[in-house]
């Protein structure tokens, strides 16, 4: 059974992430796997074989009880309270599920959330001024199967880019590697090489029932293969302040797109 310790706080402060090992009870894993199998079917029926996310789960015809039980795990709630604060909560209206691709390996681009995948460059100072605010930018991946798809750069959550990182990605938007036209094995190798190309990249390994809590100000990436089944609950460790920051940022993005006539990213 999971028990919070000072080690989690030390890891989170130093590295920008920590893992609550075995935090989801086996019986609940069973229930969540069943409902997530249906969620996978819904996602692929709606978005095709390449879709890898259904979010938020509350908007779909799914048994919500297992998700509610997940959001009320006492040891996890107590751990988040000690790690972050009593006002942080999870299992929110944003809760989604991440899946493996149905057919071909696929990799995202290296990024820091908001800065590299949402905010226009003129708004980056707003993000930079907030990266140390623990009320904001906390994210959760809860694995229902073994999941090795998340890569991070430990320690990058609390600083701006190093010269080596800036040299690796000197222009924006950052582009993922080209995979079209390659065999599945080659696509997998290209994705893995791309992950490893970031200085100090680290692969986060989760067992079924593990919950990773991380700062999404970290450099991070997802690398996926179809032969490794995945159902990972994806959420934020939220606060009222982050909900407000989220809403205001979305408003600013919409105004920028209306003003420029271009989508962000």
Protein backbone atom coordinates (compact mmCIF):
# COMPACT_ATOMS: atom_id res chain seq x y z
CA UNK A 1 0.00 0.00 0.00
CA UNK A 2 1.23 3.49 -0.86
CA UNK A 3 2.56 5.66 1.94
CA UNK A 4 3.75 9.22 1.50
CA UNK A 5 7.25 10.07 2.75
CA UNK A 6 9.65 13.00 2.80
CA UNK A 7 11.38 11.42 -0.19
CA UNK A 8 8.46 12.42 -2.40
CA UNK A 9 8.84 16.09 -1.44
CA UNK A 10 12.60 15.95 -1.98
CA UNK A 11 12.20 14.40 -5.43
CA UNK A 12 9.47 16.81 -6.44
CA UNK A 13 11.46 19.88 -5.41
CA UNK A 14 14.71 18.66 -6.98
CA UNK A 15 13.50 16.90 -10.13
CA UNK A 16 10.06 18.36 -10.77
CA UNK A 17 8.32 14.99 -10.47
CA UNK A 18 7.75 12.12 -8.09
CA UNK A 19 5.88 8.81 -8.22
CA UNK A 20 3.34 7.52 -5.73
CA UNK A 21 4.16 3.81 -6.15
CA UNK A 22 1.22 1.41 -6.06
CA UNK A 23 -1.22 4.14 -5.10
CA UNK A 24 -4.21 2.69 -6.97
CA UNK A 25 -5.59 -0.48 -5.29
CA UNK A 26 -5.72 -3.59 -7.53
CA UNK A 27 -9.52 -3.88 -7.32
CA UNK A 28 -9.91 -0.32 -8.56
CA UNK A 29 -7.36 -0.94 -11.33
CA UNK A 30 -9.61 -3.77 -12.52
CA UNK A 31 -12.68 -1.50 -12.54
CA UNK A 32 -10.82 1.31 -14.28
CA UNK A 33 -9.43 -1.00 -16.95
CA UNK A 34 -12.94 -2.14 -17.83
CA UNK A 35 -14.30 1.38 -18.23
CA UNK A 36 -11.17 2.55 -20.04
CA UNK A 37 -11.51 -0.27 -22.58
CA UNK A 38 -14.87 1.24 -23.48
CA UNK A 39 -13.33 4.72 -23.48
CA UNK A 40 -10.71 3.51 -25.98
CA UNK A 41 -13.48 2.24 -28.27
CA UNK A 42 -15.32 5.56 -28.06
CA UNK A 43 -12.16 7.54 -28.76
CA UNK A 44 -11.22 5.51 -31.84
CA UNK A 45 -14.77 5.41 -33.19
CA UNK A 46 -14.86 9.19 -32.94
CA UNK A 47 -11.28 10.12 -33.91
CA UNK A 48 -9.84 7.18 -35.81
CA UNK A 49 -7.00 4.75 -35.02
CA UNK A 50 -4.43 7.45 -34.32
CA UNK A 51 -6.38 9.16 -31.53
CA UNK A 52 -4.76 8.64 -28.15
CA UNK A 53 -6.91 10.61 -25.75
CA UNK A 54 -10.46 10.84 -24.45
CA UNK A 55 -10.92 13.95 -22.33
CA UNK A 56 -12.78 14.83 -20.27
CA UNK A 57 -14.30 11.45 -19.48
CA UNK A 58 -17.28 13.12 -17.79
CA UNK A 59 -18.60 14.15 -21.22
CA UNK A 60 -18.99 10.58 -22.49
CA UNK A 61 -21.33 7.65 -21.92
CA UNK A 62 -19.09 5.86 -19.45
CA UNK A 63 -19.53 4.45 -15.97
CA UNK A 64 -18.24 7.37 -13.90
CA UNK A 65 -18.07 5.46 -10.61
CA UNK A 66 -14.49 4.11 -11.05
CA UNK A 67 -13.24 7.59 -11.95
CA UNK A 68 -14.98 9.02 -8.90
CA UNK A 69 -13.46 6.31 -6.69
CA UNK A 70 -10.02 7.13 -8.13
CA UNK A 71 -10.52 10.81 -7.28
CA UNK A 72 -11.36 9.96 -3.67
CA UNK A 73 -8.43 7.70 -2.75
CA UNK A 74 -7.60 8.82 0.81
CA UNK A 75 -3.87 8.03 0.68
CA UNK A 76 -3.48 9.91 -2.60
CA UNK A 77 -5.44 12.91 -1.38
CA UNK A 78 -3.37 13.01 1.82
CA UNK A 79 -0.16 12.66 -0.20
CA UNK A 80 -1.07 15.55 -2.48
CA UNK A 81 -1.95 17.65 0.54
CA UNK A 82 1.52 17.07 1.99
CA UNK A 83 3.33 17.38 -1.33
CA UNK A 84 1.51 20.51 -2.52
CA UNK A 85 -1.16 21.95 -0.21
CA UNK A 86 -4.59 21.20 1.28
CA UNK A 87 -6.26 23.21 -1.46
CA UNK A 88 -4.98 21.03 -4.32
CA UNK A 89 -7.40 18.45 -5.72
CA UNK A 90 -7.41 15.85 -8.49
CA UNK A 91 -9.94 13.65 -10.27
CA UNK A 92 -11.34 16.87 -11.70
CA UNK A 93 -13.60 17.93 -14.53
CA UNK A 94 -10.48 17.80 -16.74
CA UNK A 95 -9.80 14.08 -16.10
CA UNK A 96 -9.04 12.13 -19.26
CA UNK A 97 -7.51 8.84 -20.41
CA UNK A 98 -4.43 8.42 -22.61
CA UNK A 99 -4.15 5.35 -24.89
CA UNK A 100 -1.65 3.62 -27.12
CA UNK A 101 -1.94 4.25 -30.89
CA UNK A 102 -3.88 1.49 -32.64
CA UNK A 103 -1.55 1.02 -35.60
CA UNK A 104 1.78 2.87 -35.73
CA UNK A 105 4.43 4.22 -33.33
CA UNK A 106 4.11 7.93 -32.68
CA UNK A 107 5.98 10.59 -30.72
CA UNK A 108 5.02 14.10 -29.60
CA UNK A 109 7.46 16.99 -29.64
CA UNK A 110 9.63 18.02 -26.71
CA UNK A 111 7.83 20.85 -24.96
CA UNK A 112 6.97 22.68 -21.78
CA UNK A 113 3.20 22.98 -21.37
CA UNK A 114 1.63 26.33 -22.19
CA UNK A 115 4.86 27.92 -23.40
CA UNK A 116 5.54 25.57 -26.31
CA UNK A 117 2.08 24.24 -27.14
CA UNK A 118 -0.38 27.01 -26.35
CA UNK A 119 0.86 30.52 -25.60
CA UNK A 120 1.96 32.94 -28.34
CA UNK A 121 5.55 34.09 -27.81
CA UNK A 122 4.47 37.55 -26.71
CA UNK A 123 2.79 35.92 -23.69
CA UNK A 124 5.78 33.85 -22.63
CA UNK A 125 6.83 36.33 -19.90
CA UNK A 126 3.54 35.60 -18.16
CA UNK A 127 4.44 31.92 -18.06
CA UNK A 128 8.07 32.57 -17.08
CA UNK A 129 7.03 34.72 -14.13
CA UNK A 130 4.80 31.91 -12.82
CA UNK A 131 6.96 28.77 -13.15
CA UNK A 132 7.79 28.70 -9.42
CA UNK A 133 4.15 29.04 -8.32
CA UNK A 134 3.08 25.68 -6.87
CA UNK A 135 -0.57 26.67 -7.20
CA UNK A 136 -0.09 26.27 -10.96
CA UNK A 137 1.20 23.71 -13.47
CA UNK A 138 0.92 20.42 -11.56
CA UNK A 139 0.00 17.40 -13.67
CA UNK A 140 -0.84 13.75 -12.98
CA UNK A 141 -0.40 10.52 -14.94
CA UNK A 142 -1.94 7.46 -13.26
CA UNK A 143 -1.00 4.21 -15.01
CA UNK A 144 -3.40 1.27 -15.25
CA UNK A 145 -0.80 -0.75 -17.20
CA UNK A 146 2.98 -0.48 -17.27
CA UNK A 147 3.74 2.85 -18.93
CA UNK A 148 7.18 3.97 -20.09
CA UNK A 149 6.04 6.60 -22.58
CA UNK A 150 6.77 9.73 -20.53
CA UNK A 151 10.23 11.31 -20.79
CA UNK A 152 11.32 14.38 -18.82
CA UNK A 153 14.38 16.52 -18.15
CA UNK A 154 14.74 16.40 -14.36
CA UNK A 155 15.22 19.79 -12.75
CA UNK A 156 14.07 21.80 -15.77
CA UNK A 157 10.81 22.72 -14.04
CA UNK A 158 12.35 25.54 -11.99
CA UNK A 159 14.50 27.28 -14.58
CA UNK A 160 14.51 28.59 -18.12
CA UNK A 161 16.28 26.78 -20.95
CA UNK A 162 19.96 25.93 -20.69
CA UNK A 163 22.26 26.87 -23.60
CA UNK A 164 22.28 23.19 -24.64
CA UNK A 165 18.47 23.02 -24.69
CA UNK A 166 18.24 26.29 -26.62
CA UNK A 167 20.74 24.95 -29.12
CA UNK A 168 18.76 21.72 -29.52
CA UNK A 169 15.52 23.62 -30.21
CA UNK A 170 16.50 27.10 -31.44
CA UNK A 171 13.24 27.91 -33.26
CA UNK A 172 9.53 27.85 -32.49
CA UNK A 173 7.26 26.09 -32.98
CA UNK A 174 9.21 22.98 -32.04
CA UNK A 175 8.60 20.19 -34.53
CA UNK A 176 8.28 16.49 -33.86
CA UNK A 177 10.37 14.24 -36.13
CA UNK A 178 9.01 13.19 -39.51
CA UNK A 179 7.60 9.66 -39.34
CA UNK A 180 5.53 9.42 -42.52
CA UNK A 181 6.78 6.92 -45.08
CA UNK A 182 8.79 4.83 -42.64
CA UNK A 183 8.18 1.29 -41.45
CA UNK A 184 6.81 0.74 -37.96
CA UNK A 185 10.20 -0.38 -36.65
CA UNK A 186 11.86 2.69 -38.15
CA UNK A 187 9.18 4.99 -36.76
CA UNK A 188 9.83 3.51 -33.34
CA UNK A 189 13.60 4.02 -33.68
CA UNK A 190 13.19 7.62 -34.89
CA UNK A 191 10.93 8.43 -31.94
CA UNK A 192 13.34 6.89 -29.45
CA UNK A 193 16.32 8.72 -30.96
CA UNK A 194 14.37 11.98 -30.81
CA UNK A 195 13.60 11.45 -27.11
CA UNK A 196 17.25 10.72 -26.36
CA UNK A 197 18.44 13.74 -28.33
CA UNK A 198 17.42 16.12 -25.54
CA UNK A 199 20.28 16.74 -23.09
CA UNK A 200 19.71 14.89 -19.79
CA UNK A 201 16.51 13.19 -20.98
CA UNK A 202 15.10 10.67 -18.49
CA UNK A 203 12.48 7.98 -19.12
CA UNK A 204 9.84 7.71 -16.37
CA UNK A 205 8.84 4.10 -15.73
CA UNK A 206 5.44 3.49 -14.17
CA UNK A 207 4.00 0.16 -13.05
CA UNK A 208 0.26 -0.48 -13.01
CA UNK A 209 -1.17 1.50 -10.11
CA UNK A 210 1.61 4.11 -9.98
CA UNK A 211 0.75 7.81 -10.04
CA UNK A 212 3.28 10.32 -11.35
CA UNK A 213 2.88 13.91 -10.16
CA UNK A 214 4.96 16.37 -12.15
CA UNK A 215 5.39 20.01 -12.95
CA UNK A 216 4.35 20.55 -16.54
CA UNK A 217 6.91 23.34 -16.69
CA UNK A 218 9.37 20.46 -17.11
CA UNK A 219 10.67 19.68 -20.55
CA UNK A 220 8.69 16.52 -21.33
CA UNK A 221 7.49 14.34 -24.18
CA UNK A 222 5.41 11.24 -24.90
CA UNK A 223 6.65 8.34 -27.03
CA UNK A 224 4.12 5.62 -27.94
CA UNK A 225 4.02 2.19 -29.60
CA UNK A 226 0.91 0.18 -30.54
CA UNK A 227 2.12 -3.13 -29.10
CA UNK A 228 2.24 -1.78 -25.53
CA UNK A 229 -1.29 -1.41 -24.17
CA UNK A 230 -1.84 1.88 -22.41
CA UNK A 231 -4.61 3.34 -20.29
CA UNK A 232 -3.23 6.19 -18.20
CA UNK A 233 -5.48 8.61 -16.37
CA UNK A 234 -4.40 12.16 -17.13
CA UNK A 235 -5.35 15.11 -14.97
CA UNK A 236 -4.09 18.14 -13.12
CA UNK A 237 -3.51 18.60 -9.44
CA UNK A 238 -5.74 21.63 -9.57
CA UNK A 239 -6.41 24.74 -7.50
CA UNK A 240 -8.82 27.61 -7.92
CA UNK A 241 -5.81 29.72 -8.91
CA UNK A 242 -4.85 27.32 -11.70
CA UNK A 243 -8.43 27.15 -12.95
CA UNK A 244 -8.39 30.95 -13.17
CA UNK A 245 -4.96 31.02 -14.85
CA UNK A 246 -6.17 28.39 -17.32
CA UNK A 247 -9.33 30.31 -18.19
CA UNK A 248 -7.51 33.63 -18.60
CA UNK A 249 -4.85 32.04 -20.80
CA UNK A 250 -7.49 30.49 -23.04
CA UNK A 251 -9.15 33.89 -23.36
CA UNK A 252 -5.84 35.51 -24.30
CA UNK A 253 -5.13 32.81 -26.89
CA UNK A 254 -8.54 33.28 -28.49
CA UNK A 255 -8.05 37.04 -28.66
CA UNK A 256 -4.59 36.60 -30.20
CA UNK A 257 -5.91 34.18 -32.84
CA UNK A 258 -8.79 36.54 -33.68
CA UNK A 259 -6.39 39.48 -33.96
CA UNK A 260 -3.76 37.69 -36.07
CA UNK A 261 -5.93 35.27 -38.02
CA UNK A 262 -3.49 32.46 -37.21
CA UNK A 263 -3.73 29.49 -34.86
CA UNK A 264 -1.15 29.17 -32.10
CA UNK A 265 1.61 26.62 -32.67
